[in-house]
Amino acid sequence: MKPSFSAPATGHDLLPAPRQEKVWDIVVRLFHWSLVACVAANLLLLEEGDPPHRWAGYIAVALVALRIIWGFVGSYHARFASFFPTPSRLKAHLAALQGGKHRPSVGHNPAGAVMMLALLALIIGLGASGYLMGTDRFWGEDWLKDIHEALATLLQLAVLLHVAAALWMSRVERVNLVHAMISGIKKWR
């Protein structure tokens, strides 16, 4: 509520009110943070090959399957159609960033969409290779273990890049993306 008296104008009075928009629904947010927990547990806490490691992997793959379904039937910003990173969208986004003419995205920007799809693919690959390592046909196969470990390393690098990009884009777009993934609401400053 504004005070009833006239206060002297400041620079802040001339700025537009912060814009906010509901972006991430509860399914997207629960998916994201549950997947973070599974991946962090498997990469940092759980012993490779032990049942808790395998179950965290299975849960991660189940979460990815749910997210893929939600990408077709969920809320607008959860749907792949709203952010699918076509080559032309990605090229325009990167050119705008490079030229300093980037406009904030309400949902995923094209580069963020590429990262999201890459993370989902890596988790599916890890789940499939991990499962196959426990089958009679592939038990003890070094090549499969090497693939699983290479995918785990790529996932670690992708997660680091994802976190760094989210922090950088928070600064570029003047929005706290971490808070948005917790609250579901993006607030632009």
Protein backbone atom coordinates (compact mmCIF):
# COMPACT_ATOMS: atom_id res chain seq x y z
CA MET A 1 0.00 0.00 0.00
CA LYS A 2 1.33 3.42 -0.93
CA PRO A 3 1.60 6.11 1.76
CA SER A 4 -1.00 8.89 1.63
CA PHE A 5 1.61 11.64 1.54
CA SER A 6 3.74 12.65 -1.43
CA ALA A 7 7.26 11.41 -1.14
CA PRO A 8 10.04 12.75 -3.36
CA ALA A 9 10.55 10.69 -6.51
CA THR A 10 13.54 8.39 -6.56
CA GLY A 11 15.00 6.34 -9.35
CA HIS A 12 13.25 3.28 -7.92
CA ASP A 13 9.84 4.91 -8.35
CA LEU A 14 10.46 5.10 -12.08
CA LEU A 15 11.18 1.39 -12.50
CA PRO A 16 8.34 -0.90 -13.55
CA ALA A 17 6.95 -3.25 -10.91
CA PRO A 18 8.55 -6.69 -10.95
CA ARG A 19 6.85 -8.96 -13.45
CA GLN A 20 6.03 -12.46 -12.34
CA GLU A 21 4.50 -15.48 -13.96
CA LYS A 22 3.58 -18.99 -12.85
CA VAL A 23 5.82 -21.21 -14.94
CA TRP A 24 6.70 -24.55 -13.34
CA ASP A 25 3.82 -26.69 -12.13
CA ILE A 26 4.12 -28.99 -9.13
CA VAL A 27 4.86 -32.06 -11.28
CA VAL A 28 7.83 -30.34 -12.97
CA ARG A 29 9.19 -29.07 -9.66
CA LEU A 30 8.82 -32.42 -7.83
CA PHE A 31 10.37 -34.18 -10.81
CA HIS A 32 13.33 -31.79 -10.86
CA TRP A 33 14.19 -31.96 -7.17
CA SER A 34 13.52 -35.71 -6.89
CA LEU A 35 15.84 -36.29 -9.84
CA VAL A 36 18.45 -34.04 -8.23
CA ALA A 37 18.24 -36.22 -5.09
CA CYS A 38 18.58 -39.49 -7.03
CA VAL A 39 21.50 -38.28 -9.13
CA ALA A 40 23.31 -36.69 -6.18
CA ALA A 41 22.86 -39.84 -4.09
CA ASN A 42 24.19 -42.07 -6.86
CA LEU A 43 27.12 -39.85 -7.77
CA LEU A 44 28.15 -38.82 -4.26
CA LEU A 45 26.79 -41.15 -1.57
CA LEU A 46 25.89 -44.63 -2.73
CA GLU A 47 28.29 -47.46 -3.47
CA GLU A 48 28.33 -48.53 -7.12
CA GLY A 49 26.42 -51.74 -7.76
CA ASP A 50 24.84 -51.95 -4.31
CA PRO A 51 21.03 -52.26 -4.15
CA PRO A 52 20.48 -48.62 -3.00
CA HIS A 53 22.54 -47.42 -6.00
CA ARG A 54 20.48 -49.55 -8.38
CA TRP A 55 17.17 -48.46 -6.84
CA ALA A 56 18.10 -44.78 -7.01
CA GLY A 57 18.87 -45.36 -10.69
CA TYR A 58 15.56 -47.12 -11.31
CA ILE A 59 13.70 -44.31 -9.56
CA ALA A 60 15.57 -41.75 -11.69
CA VAL A 61 14.54 -43.57 -14.88
CA ALA A 62 10.94 -43.79 -13.67
CA LEU A 63 11.01 -40.04 -12.99
CA VAL A 64 12.32 -39.41 -16.50
CA ALA A 65 9.53 -41.58 -17.94
CA LEU A 66 6.98 -39.55 -15.97
CA ARG A 67 8.55 -36.30 -17.21
CA ILE A 68 8.39 -37.49 -20.81
CA ILE A 69 4.68 -38.27 -20.42
CA TRP A 70 4.16 -34.91 -18.71
CA GLY A 71 5.96 -33.29 -21.64
CA PHE A 72 2.96 -34.23 -23.79
CA VAL A 73 0.02 -33.89 -21.38
CA GLY A 74 1.17 -31.44 -18.69
CA SER A 75 0.76 -27.71 -18.27
CA TYR A 76 1.77 -25.34 -21.08
CA HIS A 77 5.36 -24.66 -19.97
CA ALA A 78 5.92 -28.36 -19.17
CA ARG A 79 5.03 -29.43 -22.71
CA PHE A 80 7.88 -30.12 -25.12
CA ALA A 81 5.97 -28.28 -27.85
CA SER A 82 6.32 -25.02 -25.89
CA PHE A 83 10.11 -25.12 -25.81
CA PHE A 84 11.45 -27.77 -28.19
CA PRO A 85 14.86 -26.51 -29.33
CA THR A 86 14.73 -26.41 -33.12
CA PRO A 87 17.99 -25.44 -34.84
CA SER A 88 16.54 -22.05 -35.84
CA ARG A 89 15.34 -21.30 -32.28
CA LEU A 90 18.70 -22.31 -30.84
CA LYS A 91 20.65 -20.26 -33.40
CA ALA A 92 18.50 -17.16 -32.77
CA HIS A 93 18.81 -17.57 -29.00
CA LEU A 94 22.61 -17.91 -29.09
CA ALA A 95 22.95 -14.98 -31.51
CA ALA A 96 20.79 -12.78 -29.26
CA LEU A 97 22.88 -13.73 -26.22
CA GLN A 98 26.11 -13.03 -28.07
CA GLY A 99 24.80 -9.71 -29.39
CA GLY A 100 23.53 -8.57 -26.00
CA LYS A 101 19.94 -8.49 -27.26
CA HIS A 102 18.63 -11.49 -25.35
CA ARG A 103 15.00 -11.37 -24.25
CA PRO A 104 14.09 -13.41 -21.18
CA SER A 105 12.22 -16.67 -21.74
CA VAL A 106 9.18 -17.47 -19.66
CA GLY A 107 9.77 -21.23 -19.87
CA HIS A 108 12.91 -23.04 -21.00
CA ASN A 109 15.05 -21.09 -23.41
CA PRO A 110 16.38 -23.14 -26.39
CA ALA A 111 19.80 -23.79 -24.83
CA GLY A 112 18.15 -24.82 -21.55
CA ALA A 113 15.88 -27.15 -23.51
CA VAL A 114 18.90 -28.80 -25.16
CA MET A 115 20.46 -29.28 -21.73
CA MET A 116 17.26 -30.70 -20.28
CA LEU A 117 16.90 -33.21 -23.12
CA ALA A 118 20.58 -34.17 -22.84
CA LEU A 119 20.23 -34.78 -19.09
CA LEU A 120 17.15 -36.94 -19.65
CA ALA A 121 18.96 -38.95 -22.34
CA LEU A 122 22.01 -39.47 -20.12
CA ILE A 123 19.84 -40.74 -17.27
CA ILE A 124 18.02 -43.15 -19.59
CA GLY A 125 21.39 -44.39 -20.90
CA LEU A 126 22.70 -44.83 -17.37
CA GLY A 127 19.57 -46.69 -16.31
CA ALA A 128 19.67 -48.99 -19.34
CA SER A 129 23.39 -49.76 -19.04
CA GLY A 130 23.11 -50.24 -15.28
CA TYR A 131 20.21 -52.62 -15.67
CA LEU A 132 21.98 -54.61 -18.41
CA MET A 133 25.09 -55.00 -16.24
CA GLY A 134 22.96 -57.00 -13.79
CA THR A 135 21.56 -59.40 -16.39
CA ASP A 136 22.96 -62.87 -17.07
CA ARG A 137 23.73 -62.01 -20.69
CA PHE A 138 25.91 -58.97 -19.87
CA TRP A 139 27.20 -59.85 -16.37
CA GLY A 140 30.86 -58.90 -16.05
CA GLU A 141 31.15 -57.28 -19.49
CA ASP A 142 33.85 -54.62 -19.23
CA TRP A 143 32.66 -52.69 -22.30
CA LEU A 144 29.24 -52.18 -20.71
CA LYS A 145 30.79 -51.08 -17.43
CA ASP A 146 32.97 -48.64 -19.41
CA ILE A 147 29.89 -47.22 -21.14
CA HIS A 148 28.09 -46.85 -17.79
CA GLU A 149 31.07 -45.06 -16.25
CA ALA A 150 31.49 -42.80 -19.30
CA LEU A 151 27.81 -41.85 -19.13
CA ALA A 152 28.17 -41.13 -15.39
CA THR A 153 31.13 -38.84 -16.12
CA LEU A 154 29.19 -37.07 -18.88
CA LEU A 155 26.25 -36.66 -16.50
CA GLN A 156 28.51 -35.07 -13.88
CA LEU A 157 29.86 -32.62 -16.46
CA ALA A 158 26.36 -31.87 -17.77
CA VAL A 159 25.06 -31.25 -14.24
CA LEU A 160 27.91 -28.82 -13.54
CA LEU A 161 27.23 -27.03 -16.84
CA HIS A 162 23.49 -26.97 -16.07
CA VAL A 163 24.03 -25.40 -12.65
CA ALA A 164 26.54 -22.87 -14.01
CA ALA A 165 24.22 -21.95 -16.89
CA ALA A 166 21.22 -21.56 -14.56
CA LEU A 167 23.22 -19.21 -12.33
CA TRP A 168 24.53 -17.25 -15.32
CA MET A 169 21.09 -16.98 -16.96
CA SER A 170 19.65 -15.87 -13.61
CA ARG A 171 22.03 -12.94 -13.82
CA VAL A 172 21.45 -12.27 -17.53
CA GLU A 173 17.64 -12.45 -17.26
CA ARG A 174 17.54 -10.86 -13.79
CA VAL A 175 15.45 -13.70 -12.38
CA ASN A 176 16.28 -16.19 -9.65
CA LEU A 177 15.90 -19.46 -11.57
CA VAL A 178 16.61 -21.62 -8.51
CA HIS A 179 13.82 -19.91 -6.60
CA ALA A 180 11.56 -20.27 -9.64
CA MET A 181 12.17 -24.03 -9.64
CA ILE A 182 11.19 -24.12 -5.96
CA SER A 183 8.16 -21.80 -6.05
CA GLY A 184 7.07 -22.34 -9.63
CA ILE A 185 6.97 -18.59 -10.19
CA LYS A 186 9.48 -16.57 -12.19
CA LYS A 187 9.92 -13.00 -10.96
CA TRP A 188 11.82 -10.62 -13.21
CA ARG A 189 13.55 -7.66 -11.63
